[in-house]
Amino acid sequence: MGLFDKFNYEPVVLYNQNGEPVSFKQEAHMPMDGHIYVVLTPLEKMEGVNHGECLIYEVTQENGQEIVTIVEDAGIISKATSMYQLLVDED
Protein backbone atom coordinates (compact mmCIF):
# COMPACT_ATOMS: atom_id res chain seq x y z
CA MET A 1 0.00 0.00 0.00
CA GLY A 2 2.88 2.36 0.70
CA LEU A 3 1.34 4.45 3.48
CA PHE A 4 4.58 4.34 5.46
CA ASP A 5 6.35 5.81 2.42
CA LYS A 6 5.98 9.59 2.53
CA PHE A 7 7.00 9.71 -1.12
CA ASN A 8 4.17 7.44 -2.26
CA TYR A 9 2.43 9.11 -5.22
CA GLU A 10 0.46 6.08 -6.37
CA PRO A 11 -3.26 5.86 -5.53
CA VAL A 12 -3.94 4.16 -2.22
CA VAL A 13 -6.77 1.61 -2.26
CA LEU A 14 -8.72 1.00 0.95
CA TYR A 15 -11.86 -1.05 1.41
CA ASN A 16 -15.06 0.41 2.84
CA GLN A 17 -17.38 -1.31 5.31
CA ASN A 18 -19.05 -3.12 2.39
CA GLY A 19 -15.72 -4.53 1.18
CA GLU A 20 -15.70 -2.28 -1.89
CA PRO A 21 -12.39 -0.70 -2.97
CA VAL A 22 -12.05 3.08 -2.69
CA SER A 23 -9.07 4.89 -4.24
CA PHE A 24 -7.39 7.83 -2.50
CA LYS A 25 -4.62 10.28 -3.23
CA GLN A 26 -2.10 10.47 -0.39
CA GLU A 27 -1.74 14.18 0.40
CA ALA A 28 0.57 13.96 3.40
CA HIS A 29 2.36 11.56 5.72
CA MET A 30 2.72 12.98 9.23
CA PRO A 31 4.41 11.53 12.29
CA MET A 32 2.67 13.09 15.29
CA ASP A 33 2.84 12.26 19.01
CA GLY A 34 4.42 8.88 18.37
CA HIS A 35 1.84 7.87 15.76
CA ILE A 36 1.76 7.98 11.96
CA TYR A 37 -1.12 9.77 10.26
CA VAL A 38 -1.88 10.17 6.58
CA VAL A 39 -4.10 12.71 4.89
CA LEU A 40 -6.05 11.12 2.05
CA THR A 41 -8.40 12.59 -0.55
CA PRO A 42 -10.92 10.23 -2.18
CA LEU A 43 -10.41 9.97 -5.95
CA GLU A 44 -14.02 8.86 -6.39
CA LYS A 45 -17.29 10.18 -5.05
CA MET A 46 -17.67 8.98 -1.47
CA GLU A 47 -20.87 9.21 0.55
CA GLY A 48 -20.65 11.87 3.27
CA VAL A 49 -17.44 13.41 1.89
CA ASN A 50 -17.49 16.64 -0.12
CA HIS A 51 -15.40 16.97 -3.30
CA GLY A 52 -11.82 17.89 -2.39
CA GLU A 53 -12.31 17.10 1.31
CA CYS A 54 -9.46 15.27 3.03
CA LEU A 55 -9.74 12.48 5.56
CA ILE A 56 -7.20 11.67 8.27
CA TYR A 57 -6.21 8.09 8.99
CA GLU A 58 -3.88 6.55 11.55
CA VAL A 59 -1.52 3.93 10.16
CA THR A 60 -0.13 1.18 12.38
CA GLN A 61 1.61 -2.10 11.71
CA GLU A 62 0.45 -5.43 13.03
CA ASN A 63 2.18 -8.69 12.09
CA GLY A 64 3.90 -6.93 9.17
CA GLN A 65 0.59 -5.59 7.78
CA GLU A 66 -0.45 -1.94 7.56
CA ILE A 67 -3.63 -1.28 9.53
CA VAL A 68 -5.46 1.90 8.55
CA THR A 69 -8.08 3.44 10.82
CA ILE A 70 -10.02 6.63 10.18
CA VAL A 71 -9.49 9.21 12.91
CA GLU A 72 -12.68 10.31 14.64
CA ASP A 73 -11.17 12.03 17.70
CA ALA A 74 -11.80 15.80 17.30
CA GLY A 75 -8.59 16.73 19.13
CA ILE A 76 -6.41 14.59 16.87
CA ILE A 77 -8.24 15.83 13.77
CA SER A 78 -7.71 19.45 14.83
CA LYS A 79 -4.01 18.96 15.52
CA ALA A 80 -3.43 16.94 12.32
CA THR A 81 -5.35 19.51 10.26
CA SER A 82 -3.18 22.31 11.66
CA MET A 83 -0.02 20.32 10.92
CA TYR A 84 -1.24 19.54 7.40
CA GLN A 85 -1.99 23.22 6.77
CA LEU A 86 1.57 24.10 7.81
CA LEU A 87 2.90 21.52 5.31
CA VAL A 88 0.71 22.94 2.54
CA ASP A 89 1.76 26.50 3.35
CA GLU A 90 5.45 25.48 3.05
CA ASP A 91 4.88 24.33 -0.55
PDB file of N, CA and C in Angstrom:
ATOM      1  N   MET A   1       0.830  -1.198   0.000  1.00  0.00           N
ATOM      2  CA  MET A   1       0.000   0.000   0.000  1.00  0.00           C
ATOM      3  C   MET A   1       0.863   1.246   0.000  1.00  0.00           C
ATOM      4  N   GLY A   2       1.981   1.238   0.746  1.00  0.00           N
ATOM      5  CA  GLY A   2       2.882   2.364   0.696  1.00  0.00           C
ATOM      6  C   GLY A   2       2.563   3.518   1.622  1.00  0.00           C
ATOM      7  N   LEU A   3       1.692   3.335   2.600  1.00  0.00           N
ATOM      8  CA  LEU A   3       1.337   4.448   3.481  1.00  0.00           C
ATOM      9  C   LEU A   3       2.465   4.840   4.429  1.00  0.00           C
ATOM     10  N   PHE A   4       3.432   3.969   4.640  1.00  0.00           N
ATOM     11  CA  PHE A   4       4.577   4.339   5.457  1.00  0.00           C
ATOM     12  C   PHE A   4       5.628   5.054   4.625  1.00  0.00           C
ATOM     13  N   ASP A   5       5.419   5.134   3.323  1.00  0.00           N
ATOM     14  CA  ASP A   5       6.346   5.813   2.423  1.00  0.00           C
ATOM     15  C   ASP A   5       5.811   7.212   2.141  1.00  0.00           C
ATOM     16  N   LYS A   6       6.484   8.223   2.714  1.00  0.00           N
ATOM     17  CA  LYS A   6       5.983   9.593   2.533  1.00  0.00           C
ATOM     18  C   LYS A   6       6.129  10.083   1.097  1.00  0.00           C
ATOM     19  N   PHE A   7       6.853   9.335   0.273  1.00  0.00           N
ATOM     20  CA  PHE A   7       7.005   9.707  -1.124  1.00  0.00           C
ATOM     21  C   PHE A   7       6.099   8.880  -2.042  1.00  0.00           C
ATOM     22  N   ASN A   8       5.099   8.243  -1.469  1.00  0.00           N
ATOM     23  CA  ASN A   8       4.167   7.442  -2.261  1.00  0.00           C
ATOM     24  C   ASN A   8       3.238   8.369  -3.050  1.00  0.00           C
ATOM     25  N   TYR A   9       3.295   8.286  -4.372  1.00  0.00           N
ATOM     26  CA  TYR A   9       2.431   9.107  -5.220  1.00  0.00           C
ATOM     27  C   TYR A   9       1.414   8.265  -5.986  1.00  0.00           C
ATOM     28  N   GLU A  10       1.429   6.973  -5.742  1.00  0.00           N
ATOM     29  CA  GLU A  10       0.461   6.078  -6.372  1.00  0.00           C
ATOM     30  C   GLU A  10      -0.857   6.130  -5.594  1.00  0.00           C
ATOM     31  N   PRO A  11      -1.988   5.914  -6.273  1.00  0.00           N
ATOM     32  CA  PRO A  11      -3.257   5.857  -5.534  1.00  0.00           C
ATOM     33  C   PRO A  11      -3.209   4.779  -4.459  1.00  0.00           C
ATOM     34  N   VAL A  12      -3.836   5.085  -3.340  1.00  0.00           N
ATOM     35  CA  VAL A  12      -3.942   4.157  -2.221  1.00  0.00           C
ATOM     36  C   VAL A  12      -5.346   3.569  -2.275  1.00  0.00           C
ATOM     37  N   VAL A  13      -5.461   2.260  -2.216  1.00  0.00           N
ATOM     38  CA  VAL A  13      -6.769   1.614  -2.264  1.00  0.00           C
ATOM     39  C   VAL A  13      -7.090   1.053  -0.880  1.00  0.00           C
ATOM     40  N   LEU A  14      -8.199   1.522  -0.313  1.00  0.00           N
ATOM     41  CA  LEU A  14      -8.717   1.005   0.949  1.00  0.00           C
ATOM     42  C   LEU A  14     -10.072   0.384   0.665  1.00  0.00           C
ATOM     43  N   TYR A  15     -10.567  -0.399   1.595  1.00  0.00           N
ATOM     44  CA  TYR A  15     -11.859  -1.054   1.411  1.00  0.00           C
ATOM     45  C   TYR A  15     -12.846  -0.508   2.431  1.00  0.00           C
ATOM     46  N   ASN A  16     -14.033  -0.132   1.947  1.00  0.00           N
ATOM     47  CA  ASN A  16     -15.060   0.406   2.839  1.00  0.00           C
ATOM     48  C   ASN A  16     -15.731  -0.711   3.628  1.00  0.00           C
ATOM     49  N   GLN A  17     -16.700  -0.328   4.453  1.00  0.00           N
ATOM     50  CA  GLN A  17     -17.382  -1.305   5.314  1.00  0.00           C
ATOM     51  C   GLN A  17     -18.124  -2.375   4.522  1.00  0.00           C
ATOM     52  N   ASN A  18     -18.378  -2.136   3.244  1.00  0.00           N
ATOM     53  CA  ASN A  18     -19.048  -3.124   2.388  1.00  0.00           C
ATOM     54  C   ASN A  18     -18.043  -3.981   1.611  1.00  0.00           C
ATOM     55  N   GLY A  19     -16.750  -3.766   1.877  1.00  0.00           N
ATOM     56  CA  GLY A  19     -15.719  -4.530   1.184  1.00  0.00           C
ATOM     57  C   GLY A  19     -15.417  -4.029  -0.210  1.00  0.00           C
ATOM     58  N   GLU A  20     -15.921  -2.843  -0.557  1.00  0.00           N
ATOM     59  CA  GLU A  20     -15.696  -2.277  -1.890  1.00  0.00           C
ATOM     60  C   GLU A  20     -14.435  -1.414  -1.877  1.00  0.00           C
ATOM     61  N   PRO A  21     -13.619  -1.503  -2.927  1.00  0.00           N
ATOM     62  CA  PRO A  21     -12.393  -0.699  -2.973  1.00  0.00           C
ATOM     63  C   PRO A  21     -12.703   0.780  -3.208  1.00  0.00           C
ATOM     64  N   VAL A  22     -11.947   1.632  -2.530  1.00  0.00           N
ATOM     65  CA  VAL A  22     -12.055   3.082  -2.695  1.00  0.00           C
ATOM     66  C   VAL A  22     -10.630   3.604  -2.879  1.00  0.00           C
ATOM     67  N   SER A  23     -10.402   4.362  -3.946  1.00  0.00           N
ATOM     68  CA  SER A  23      -9.066   4.891  -4.235  1.00  0.00           C
ATOM     69  C   SER A  23      -8.905   6.288  -3.650  1.00  0.00           C
ATOM     70  N   PHE A  24      -7.705   6.544  -3.115  1.00  0.00           N
ATOM     71  CA  PHE A  24      -7.388   7.827  -2.503  1.00  0.00           C
ATOM     72  C   PHE A  24      -6.058   8.339  -3.030  1.00  0.00           C
ATOM     73  N   LYS A  25      -5.910   9.652  -2.998  1.00  0.00           N
ATOM     74  CA  LYS A  25      -4.616  10.284  -3.232  1.00  0.00           C
ATOM     75  C   LYS A  25      -4.025  10.576  -1.860  1.00  0.00           C
ATOM     76  N   GLN A  26      -2.768  10.184  -1.654  1.00  0.00           N
ATOM     77  CA  GLN A  26      -2.098  10.475  -0.393  1.00  0.00           C
ATOM     78  C   GLN A  26      -1.573  11.901  -0.460  1.00  0.00           C
ATOM     79  N   GLU A  27      -2.130  12.773   0.372  1.00  0.00           N
ATOM     80  CA  GLU A  27      -1.742  14.183   0.397  1.00  0.00           C
ATOM     81  C   GLU A  27      -0.549  14.437   1.306  1.00  0.00           C
ATOM     82  N   ALA A  28      -0.507  13.727   2.437  1.00  0.00           N
ATOM     83  CA  ALA A  28       0.566  13.960   3.403  1.00  0.00           C
ATOM     84  C   ALA A  28       0.749  12.737   4.279  1.00  0.00           C
ATOM     85  N   HIS A  29       1.944  12.617   4.788  1.00  0.00           N
ATOM     86  CA  HIS A  29       2.356  11.556   5.717  1.00  0.00           C
ATOM     87  C   HIS A  29       2.930  12.305   6.913  1.00  0.00           C
ATOM     88  N   MET A  30       2.326  12.146   8.099  1.00  0.00           N
ATOM     89  CA  MET A  30       2.720  12.976   9.232  1.00  0.00           C
ATOM     90  C   MET A  30       2.942  12.166  10.505  1.00  0.00           C
ATOM     91  N   PRO A  31       4.189  12.090  10.961  1.00  0.00           N
ATOM     92  CA  PRO A  31       4.407  11.531  12.286  1.00  0.00           C
ATOM     93  C   PRO A  31       3.942  12.579  13.312  1.00  0.00           C
ATOM     94  N   MET A  32       3.183  12.150  14.307  1.00  0.00           N
ATOM     95  CA  MET A  32       2.671  13.091  15.293  1.00  0.00           C
ATOM     96  C   MET A  32       2.415  12.354  16.609  1.00  0.00           C
ATOM     97  N   ASP A  33       3.036  12.829  17.676  1.00  0.00           N
ATOM     98  CA  ASP A  33       2.836  12.258  19.011  1.00  0.00           C
ATOM     99  C   ASP A  33       3.075  10.750  19.055  1.00  0.00           C
ATOM    100  N   GLY A  34       4.090  10.292  18.341  1.00  0.00           N
ATOM    101  CA  GLY A  34       4.423   8.879  18.367  1.00  0.00           C
ATOM    102  C   GLY A  34       3.564   7.993  17.482  1.00  0.00           C
ATOM    103  N   HIS A  35       2.713   8.610  16.673  1.00  0.00           N
ATOM    104  CA  HIS A  35       1.838   7.874  15.757  1.00  0.00           C
ATOM    105  C   HIS A  35       2.095   8.363  14.336  1.00  0.00           C
ATOM    106  N   ILE A  36       1.662   7.578  13.368  1.00  0.00           N
ATOM    107  CA  ILE A  36       1.759   7.975  11.958  1.00  0.00           C
ATOM    108  C   ILE A  36       0.348   8.237  11.453  1.00  0.00           C
ATOM    109  N   TYR A  37       0.168   9.411  10.852  1.00  0.00           N
ATOM    110  CA  TYR A  37      -1.118   9.772  10.257  1.00  0.00           C
ATOM    111  C   TYR A  37      -0.901  10.084   8.786  1.00  0.00           C
ATOM    112  N   VAL A  38      -1.901   9.797   7.984  1.00  0.00           N
ATOM    113  CA  VAL A  38      -1.880  10.171   6.577  1.00  0.00           C
ATOM    114  C   VAL A  38      -3.146  10.965   6.271  1.00  0.00           C
ATOM    115  N   VAL A  39      -2.977  11.916   5.374  1.00  0.00           N
ATOM    116  CA  VAL A  39      -4.104  12.705   4.895  1.00  0.00           C
ATOM    117  C   VAL A  39      -4.414  12.195   3.502  1.00  0.00           C
ATOM    118  N   LEU A  40      -5.642  11.723   3.315  1.00  0.00           N
ATOM    119  CA  LEU A  40      -6.051  11.124   2.050  1.00  0.00           C
ATOM    120  C   LEU A  40      -7.252  11.861   1.479  1.00  0.00           C
ATOM    121  N   THR A  41      -7.265  12.004   0.170  1.00  0.00           N
ATOM    122  CA  THR A  41      -8.396  12.591  -0.546  1.00  0.00           C
ATOM    123  C   THR A  41      -8.996  11.505  -1.439  1.00  0.00           C
ATOM    124  N   PRO A  42     -10.309  11.242  -1.312  1.00  0.00           N
ATOM    125  CA  PRO A  42     -10.924  10.229  -2.181  1.00  0.00           C
ATOM    126  C   PRO A  42     -10.823  10.643  -3.656  1.00  0.00           C
ATOM    127  N   LEU A  43     -10.474   9.695  -4.517  1.00  0.00           N
ATOM    128  CA  LEU A  43     -10.409   9.971  -5.954  1.00  0.00           C
ATOM    129  C   LEU A  43     -11.757   9.727  -6.629  1.00  0.00           C
ATOM    130  N   GLU A  44     -12.678   9.143  -5.880  1.00  0.00           N
ATOM    131  CA  GLU A  44     -14.018   8.859  -6.391  1.00  0.00           C
ATOM    132  C   GLU A  44     -15.025   9.488  -5.436  1.00  0.00           C
ATOM    133  N   LYS A  45     -16.237   9.669  -5.916  1.00  0.00           N
ATOM    134  CA  LYS A  45     -17.288  10.183  -5.051  1.00  0.00           C
ATOM    135  C   LYS A  45     -17.478   9.217  -3.882  1.00  0.00           C
ATOM    136  N   MET A  46     -17.548   9.788  -2.675  1.00  0.00           N
ATOM    137  CA  MET A  46     -17.670   8.983  -1.471  1.00  0.00           C
ATOM    138  C   MET A  46     -18.783   9.580  -0.614  1.00  0.00           C
ATOM    139  N   GLU A  47     -19.725   8.752  -0.225  1.00  0.00           N
ATOM    140  CA  GLU A  47     -20.869   9.213   0.551  1.00  0.00           C
ATOM    141  C   GLU A  47     -20.407   9.914   1.830  1.00  0.00           C
ATOM    142  N   GLY A  48     -20.957  11.114   2.067  1.00  0.00           N
ATOM    143  CA  GLY A  48     -20.648  11.867   3.274  1.00  0.00           C
ATOM    144  C   GLY A  48     -19.372  12.683   3.204  1.00  0.00           C
ATOM    145  N   VAL A  49     -18.689  12.660   2.043  1.00  0.00           N
ATOM    146  CA  VAL A  49     -17.443  13.409   1.889  1.00  0.00           C
ATOM    147  C   VAL A  49     -17.610  14.356   0.702  1.00  0.00           C
ATOM    148  N   ASN A  50     -17.385  15.637   0.940  1.00  0.00           N
ATOM    149  CA  ASN A  50     -17.486  16.637  -0.124  1.00  0.00           C
ATOM    150  C   ASN A  50     -16.282  16.550  -1.057  1.00  0.00           C
ATOM    151  N   HIS A  51     -16.475  16.961  -2.308  1.00  0.00           N
ATOM    152  CA  HIS A  51     -15.404  16.966  -3.301  1.00  0.00           C
ATOM    153  C   HIS A  51     -14.216  17.773  -2.768  1.00  0.00           C
ATOM    154  N   GLY A  52     -13.021  17.197  -2.823  1.00  0.00           N
ATOM    155  CA  GLY A  52     -11.822  17.885  -2.386  1.00  0.00           C
ATOM    156  C   GLY A  52     -11.555  17.801  -0.887  1.00  0.00           C
ATOM    157  N   GLU A  53     -12.479  17.215  -0.138  1.00  0.00           N
ATOM    158  CA  GLU A  53     -12.313  17.102   1.306  1.00  0.00           C
ATOM    159  C   GLU A  53     -11.305  15.997   1.627  1.00  0.00           C
ATOM    160  N   CYS A  54     -10.467  16.248   2.607  1.00  0.00           N
ATOM    161  CA  CYS A  54      -9.465  15.270   3.030  1.00  0.00           C
ATOM    162  C   CYS A  54      -9.939  14.521   4.267  1.00  0.00           C
ATOM    163  N   LEU A  55      -9.462  13.302   4.387  1.00  0.00           N
ATOM    164  CA  LEU A  55      -9.743  12.480   5.559  1.00  0.00           C
ATOM    165  C   LEU A  55      -8.412  12.128   6.210  1.00  0.00           C
ATOM    166  N   ILE A  56      -8.420  11.992   7.533  1.00  0.00           N
ATOM    167  CA  ILE A  56      -7.200  11.672   8.268  1.00  0.00           C
ATOM    168  C   ILE A  56      -7.314  10.255   8.809  1.00  0.00           C
ATOM    169  N   TYR A  57      -6.266   9.478   8.548  1.00  0.00           N
ATOM    170  CA  TYR A  57      -6.211   8.088   8.989  1.00  0.00           C
ATOM    171  C   TYR A  57      -4.955   7.872   9.822  1.00  0.00           C
ATOM    172  N   GLU A  58      -5.059   6.990  10.811  1.00  0.00           N
ATOM    173  CA  GLU A  58      -3.876   6.553  11.548  1.00  0.00           C
ATOM    174  C   GLU A  58      -3.409   5.247  10.914  1.00  0.00           C
ATOM    175  N   VAL A  59      -2.098   5.127  10.763  1.00  0.00           N
ATOM    176  CA  VAL A  59      -1.518   3.930  10.165  1.00  0.00           C
ATOM    177  C   VAL A  59      -0.645   3.242  11.216  1.00  0.00           C
ATOM    178  N   THR A  60      -0.926   1.972  11.462  1.00  0.00           N
ATOM    179  CA  THR A  60      -0.129   1.180  12.377  1.00  0.00           C
ATOM    180  C   THR A  60       0.297  -0.088  11.664  1.00  0.00           C
ATOM    181  N   GLN A  61       1.206  -0.816  12.279  1.00  0.00           N
ATOM    182  CA  GLN A  61       1.608  -2.105  11.713  1.00  0.00           C
ATOM    183  C   GLN A  61       1.298  -3.194  12.722  1.00  0.00           C
ATOM    184  N   GLU A  62       0.756  -4.276  12.212  1.00  0.00           N
ATOM    185  CA  GLU A  62       0.450  -5.435  13.033  1.00  0.00           C
ATOM    186  C   GLU A  62       0.808  -6.677  12.238  1.00  0.00           C
ATOM    187  N   ASN A  63       1.713  -7.469  12.769  1.00  0.00           N
ATOM    188  CA  ASN A  63       2.176  -8.690  12.094  1.00  0.00           C
ATOM    189  C   ASN A  63       2.648  -8.407  10.671  1.00  0.00           C
ATOM    190  N   GLY A  64       3.357  -7.276  10.479  1.00  0.00           N
ATOM    191  CA  GLY A  64       3.895  -6.926   9.167  1.00  0.00           C
ATOM    192  C   GLY A  64       2.881  -6.345   8.200  1.00  0.00           C
ATOM    193  N   GLN A  65       1.650  -6.142   8.643  1.00  0.00           N
ATOM    194  CA  GLN A  65       0.590  -5.594   7.781  1.00  0.00           C
ATOM    195  C   GLN A  65       0.264  -4.161   8.211  1.00  0.00           C
ATOM    196  N   GLU A  66      -0.004  -3.296   7.241  1.00  0.00           N
ATOM    197  CA  GLU A  66      -0.449  -1.944   7.556  1.00  0.00           C
ATOM    198  C   GLU A  66      -1.930  -1.980   7.927  1.00  0.00           C
ATOM    199  N   ILE A  67      -2.250  -1.393   9.069  1.00  0.00           N
ATOM    200  CA  ILE A  67      -3.629  -1.282   9.532  1.00  0.00           C
ATOM    201  C   ILE A  67      -3.990   0.198   9.461  1.00  0.00           C
ATOM    202  N   VAL A  68      -5.058   0.517   8.769  1.00  0.00           N
ATOM    203  CA  VAL A  68      -5.465   1.902   8.547  1.00  0.00           C
ATOM    204  C   VAL A  68      -6.814   2.135   9.207  1.00  0.00           C
ATOM    205  N   THR A  69      -6.858   3.145  10.080  1.00  0.00           N
ATOM    206  CA  THR A  69      -8.076   3.442  10.824  1.00  0.00           C
ATOM    207  C   THR A  69      -8.402   4.921  10.691  1.00  0.00           C
ATOM    208  N   ILE A  70      -9.630   5.227  10.288  1.00  0.00           N
ATOM    209  CA  ILE A  70     -10.017   6.630  10.176  1.00  0.00           C
ATOM    210  C   ILE A  70     -10.021   7.262  11.564  1.00  0.00           C
ATOM    211  N   VAL A  71      -9.544   8.493  11.637  1.00  0.00           N
ATOM    212  CA  VAL A  71      -9.486   9.212  12.908  1.00  0.00           C
ATOM    213  C   VAL A  71     -10.818   9.911  13.124  1.00  0.00           C
ATOM    214  N   GLU A  72     -11.408   9.676  14.293  1.00  0.00           N
ATOM    215  CA  GLU A  72     -12.680  10.311  14.641  1.00  0.00           C
ATOM    216  C   GLU A  72     -12.550  11.248  15.833  1.00  0.00           C
ATOM    217  N   ASP A  73     -11.398  11.197  16.529  1.00  0.00           N
ATOM    218  CA  ASP A  73     -11.166  12.032  17.697  1.00  0.00           C
ATOM    219  C   ASP A  73     -10.960  13.492  17.258  1.00  0.00           C
ATOM    220  N   ALA A  74     -11.833  14.392  17.731  1.00  0.00           N
ATOM    221  CA  ALA A  74     -11.804  15.797  17.304  1.00  0.00           C
ATOM    222  C   ALA A  74     -10.475  16.469  17.630  1.00  0.00           C
ATOM    223  N   GLY A  75      -9.865  16.132  18.761  1.00  0.00           N
ATOM    224  CA  GLY A  75      -8.586  16.729  19.134  1.00  0.00           C
ATOM    225  C   GLY A  75      -7.474  16.340  18.178  1.00  0.00           C
ATOM    226  N   ILE A  76      -7.424  15.060  17.812  1.00  0.00           N
ATOM    227  CA  ILE A  76      -6.410  14.593  16.866  1.00  0.00           C
ATOM    228  C   ILE A  76      -6.657  15.193  15.493  1.00  0.00           C
ATOM    229  N   ILE A  77      -7.913  15.237  15.077  1.00  0.00           N
ATOM    230  CA  ILE A  77      -8.245  15.825  13.772  1.00  0.00           C
ATOM    231  C   ILE A  77      -7.805  17.281  13.721  1.00  0.00           C
ATOM    232  N   SER A  78      -8.083  18.037  14.776  1.00  0.00           N
ATOM    233  CA  SER A  78      -7.713  19.445  14.827  1.00  0.00           C
ATOM    234  C   SER A  78      -6.199  19.628  14.734  1.00  0.00           C
ATOM    235  N   LYS A  79      -5.469  18.849  15.517  1.00  0.00           N
ATOM    236  CA  LYS A  79      -4.011  18.958  15.520  1.00  0.00           C
ATOM    237  C   LYS A  79      -3.427  18.530  14.177  1.00  0.00           C
ATOM    238  N   ALA A  80      -3.926  17.428  13.615  1.00  0.00           N
ATOM    239  CA  ALA A  80      -3.433  16.939  12.324  1.00  0.00           C
ATOM    240  C   ALA A  80      -3.770  17.923  11.201  1.00  0.00           C
ATOM    241  N   THR A  81      -4.949  18.524  11.273  1.00  0.00           N
ATOM    242  CA  THR A  81      -5.348  19.509  10.259  1.00  0.00           C
ATOM    243  C   THR A  81      -4.426  20.719  10.306  1.00  0.00           C
ATOM    244  N   SER A  82      -4.101  21.172  11.508  1.00  0.00           N
ATOM    245  CA  SER A  82      -3.179  22.307  11.656  1.00  0.00           C
ATOM    246  C   SER A  82      -1.802  21.964  11.107  1.00  0.00           C
ATOM    247  N   MET A  83      -1.327  20.755  11.416  1.00  0.00           N
ATOM    248  CA  MET A  83      -0.022  20.324  10.924  1.00  0.00           C
ATOM    249  C   MET A  83      -0.035  20.217   9.393  1.00  0.00           C
ATOM    250  N   TYR A  84      -1.114  19.663   8.853  1.00  0.00           N
ATOM    251  CA  TYR A  84      -1.236  19.538   7.401  1.00  0.00           C
ATOM    252  C   TYR A  84      -1.240  20.920   6.750  1.00  0.00           C
ATOM    253  N   GLN A  85      -1.940  21.870   7.331  1.00  0.00           N
ATOM    254  CA  GLN A  85      -1.992  23.224   6.770  1.00  0.00           C
ATOM    255  C   GLN A  85      -0.601  23.853   6.749  1.00  0.00           C
ATOM    256  N   LEU A  86       0.190  23.608   7.794  1.00  0.00           N
ATOM    257  CA  LEU A  86       1.574  24.103   7.805  1.00  0.00           C
ATOM    258  C   LEU A  86       2.388  23.496   6.667  1.00  0.00           C
ATOM    259  N   LEU A  87       2.199  22.187   6.417  1.00  0.00           N
ATOM    260  CA  LEU A  87       2.896  21.525   5.315  1.00  0.00           C
ATOM    261  C   LEU A  87       2.490  22.111   3.965  1.00  0.00           C
ATOM    262  N   VAL A  88       1.206  22.369   3.801  1.00  0.00           N
ATOM    263  CA  VAL A  88       0.707  22.942   2.540  1.00  0.00           C
ATOM    264  C   VAL A  88       1.249  24.359   2.348  1.00  0.00           C
ATOM    265  N   ASP A  89       1.271  25.114   3.426  1.00  0.00           N
ATOM    266  CA  ASP A  89       1.758  26.497   3.347  1.00  0.00           C
ATOM    267  C   ASP A  89       3.249  26.570   2.999  1.00  0.00           C
ATOM    268  N   GLU A  90       4.025  25.529   3.379  1.00  0.00           N
ATOM    269  CA  GLU A  90       5.445  25.479   3.048  1.00  0.00           C
ATOM    270  C   GLU A  90       5.672  25.291   1.562  1.00  0.00           C
ATOM    271  N   ASP A  91       4.734  24.587   0.897  1.00  0.00           N
ATOM    272  CA  ASP A  91       4.876  24.330  -0.546  1.00  0.00           C
ATOM    273  C   ASP A  91       4.493  25.524  -1.307  1.00  0.00           C
TER     274      ASP A  91
END
